[in-house]
Amino acid sequence: MNLIQALAQAIVDFMDQSPPLVWALLAIVLANIPVIALHEAGHALAARRLLDVDVDLAVGSIGRLADLQLGRVRARVSALGPYGGAGGSVQFDHGRATARDVLLIALAGPAASLG
């Protein structure tokens, strides 16, 4: 068996040991939702605190699971985003935002993900 055949066999063996596709996709969706929600919540809370504005937070866009109102933060949670990923976004009126506000809001998402 040459190197290419051995590599191909190793890949096949690895794939045979993995969970069925349905279970793998379910695990990805269930893990993505809270991780993305936490990241987007970082952006949302920073925008609320710095700009005193209403904020719309979205996790995914397909297969709506929940609509929540948390004070002046409205959250929409869906199972999937475009192209099967979860994806998220935060929208708010940024008309009064300074460059410092924009920077802090941008960094708040990754900071929340790390915490």
Protein backbone atom coordinates (compact mmCIF):
# COMPACT_ATOMS: atom_id res chain seq x y z
CA MET A 1 0.00 0.00 0.00
CA ASN A 2 1.53 3.31 -1.03
CA LEU A 3 1.27 6.61 0.85
CA ILE A 4 -1.79 7.86 -1.09
CA GLN A 5 -3.69 4.63 -0.45
CA ALA A 6 -2.74 4.67 3.23
CA LEU A 7 -3.93 8.28 3.57
CA ALA A 8 -7.20 7.48 1.79
CA GLN A 9 -7.74 4.47 4.06
CA ALA A 10 -7.04 6.59 7.16
CA ILE A 11 -9.66 9.13 6.04
CA VAL A 12 -12.22 6.37 5.39
CA ASP A 13 -11.53 4.82 8.80
CA PHE A 14 -11.93 8.21 10.49
CA MET A 15 -15.22 8.89 8.70
CA ASP A 16 -16.54 5.44 9.60
CA GLN A 17 -15.91 6.16 13.30
CA SER A 18 -17.72 9.52 13.32
CA PRO A 19 -21.38 9.86 14.38
CA PRO A 20 -24.12 9.73 11.75
CA LEU A 21 -24.51 12.96 9.79
CA VAL A 22 -27.87 13.82 11.39
CA TRP A 23 -26.38 13.63 14.90
CA ALA A 24 -23.32 15.62 13.87
CA LEU A 25 -25.49 18.39 12.35
CA LEU A 26 -27.72 18.47 15.43
CA ALA A 27 -24.68 18.81 17.68
CA ILE A 28 -23.32 21.65 15.56
CA VAL A 29 -26.63 23.53 15.65
CA LEU A 30 -27.06 23.06 19.40
CA ALA A 31 -23.50 24.20 20.10
CA ASN A 32 -23.58 27.14 17.67
CA ILE A 33 -26.71 28.81 19.03
CA PRO A 34 -25.42 29.57 22.56
CA VAL A 35 -21.91 30.44 21.37
CA ILE A 36 -23.18 32.91 18.77
CA ALA A 37 -25.83 34.28 21.15
CA LEU A 38 -23.13 35.02 23.74
CA HIS A 39 -20.94 36.75 21.15
CA GLU A 40 -23.80 38.90 19.82
CA ALA A 41 -24.96 39.68 23.37
CA GLY A 42 -21.53 41.22 23.98
CA HIS A 43 -22.06 43.61 21.06
CA ALA A 44 -25.67 44.30 22.11
CA LEU A 45 -24.92 45.07 25.74
CA ALA A 46 -22.04 47.36 24.82
CA ALA A 47 -24.28 49.26 22.38
CA ARG A 48 -27.01 49.57 25.02
CA ARG A 49 -24.58 50.80 27.65
CA LEU A 50 -22.61 53.22 25.48
CA LEU A 51 -25.36 54.65 23.26
CA ASP A 52 -28.56 54.14 25.31
CA VAL A 53 -30.44 52.79 22.26
CA ASP A 54 -32.81 49.93 21.54
CA VAL A 55 -30.98 46.92 20.10
CA ASP A 56 -32.13 44.07 17.82
CA LEU A 57 -30.09 40.90 18.21
CA ALA A 58 -30.45 37.97 15.82
CA VAL A 59 -28.99 34.48 15.92
CA GLY A 60 -29.58 32.64 12.66
CA SER A 61 -32.34 33.51 10.22
CA ILE A 62 -34.06 30.24 9.26
CA GLY A 63 -36.34 28.17 11.50
CA ARG A 64 -37.33 30.64 14.20
CA LEU A 65 -37.04 29.13 17.67
CA ALA A 66 -37.73 32.08 19.97
CA ASP A 67 -38.44 35.80 20.17
CA LEU A 68 -37.38 37.44 23.42
CA GLN A 69 -37.61 40.96 24.82
CA LEU A 70 -34.92 41.63 27.43
CA GLY A 71 -35.43 45.24 28.48
CA ARG A 72 -34.51 47.30 25.44
CA VAL A 73 -32.83 44.37 23.70
CA ARG A 74 -35.04 42.37 21.34
CA ALA A 75 -33.62 38.93 20.48
CA ARG A 76 -34.66 36.60 17.67
CA VAL A 77 -33.19 33.10 17.82
CA SER A 78 -33.38 30.80 14.80
CA ALA A 79 -31.94 27.33 14.18
CA LEU A 80 -29.86 28.12 11.11
CA GLY A 81 -28.44 31.02 9.18
CA PRO A 82 -27.65 31.39 5.51
CA TYR A 83 -25.76 28.44 4.02
CA GLY A 84 -26.54 26.25 7.04
CA GLY A 85 -24.44 28.14 9.59
CA ALA A 86 -25.92 29.90 12.57
CA GLY A 87 -24.52 33.41 12.10
CA GLY A 88 -25.67 36.40 14.08
CA SER A 89 -26.06 40.15 13.97
CA VAL A 90 -26.86 43.16 16.11
CA GLN A 91 -28.61 46.26 14.78
CA PHE A 92 -29.03 49.61 16.50
CA ASP A 93 -29.07 53.33 15.76
CA HIS A 94 -25.40 54.25 15.58
CA GLY A 95 -25.94 57.88 14.62
CA ARG A 96 -24.41 59.22 17.85
CA ALA A 97 -21.58 56.69 18.06
CA THR A 98 -18.06 58.00 18.28
CA ALA A 99 -15.07 56.12 16.89
CA ARG A 100 -14.35 54.97 20.46
CA ASP A 101 -17.92 53.64 20.82
CA VAL A 102 -17.66 51.73 17.55
CA LEU A 103 -14.35 50.18 18.61
CA LEU A 104 -15.66 49.16 22.04
CA ILE A 105 -18.85 47.69 20.59
CA ALA A 106 -16.85 45.78 17.98
CA LEU A 107 -14.50 44.35 20.62
CA ALA A 108 -17.29 43.46 23.06
CA GLY A 109 -18.45 40.48 20.98
CA PRO A 110 -15.09 38.68 20.92
CA ALA A 111 -14.53 39.62 24.58
CA ALA A 112 -17.83 37.99 25.54
CA SER A 113 -16.88 34.90 23.52
CA LEU A 114 -13.63 34.58 25.45
CA GLY A 115 -15.28 35.00 28.85
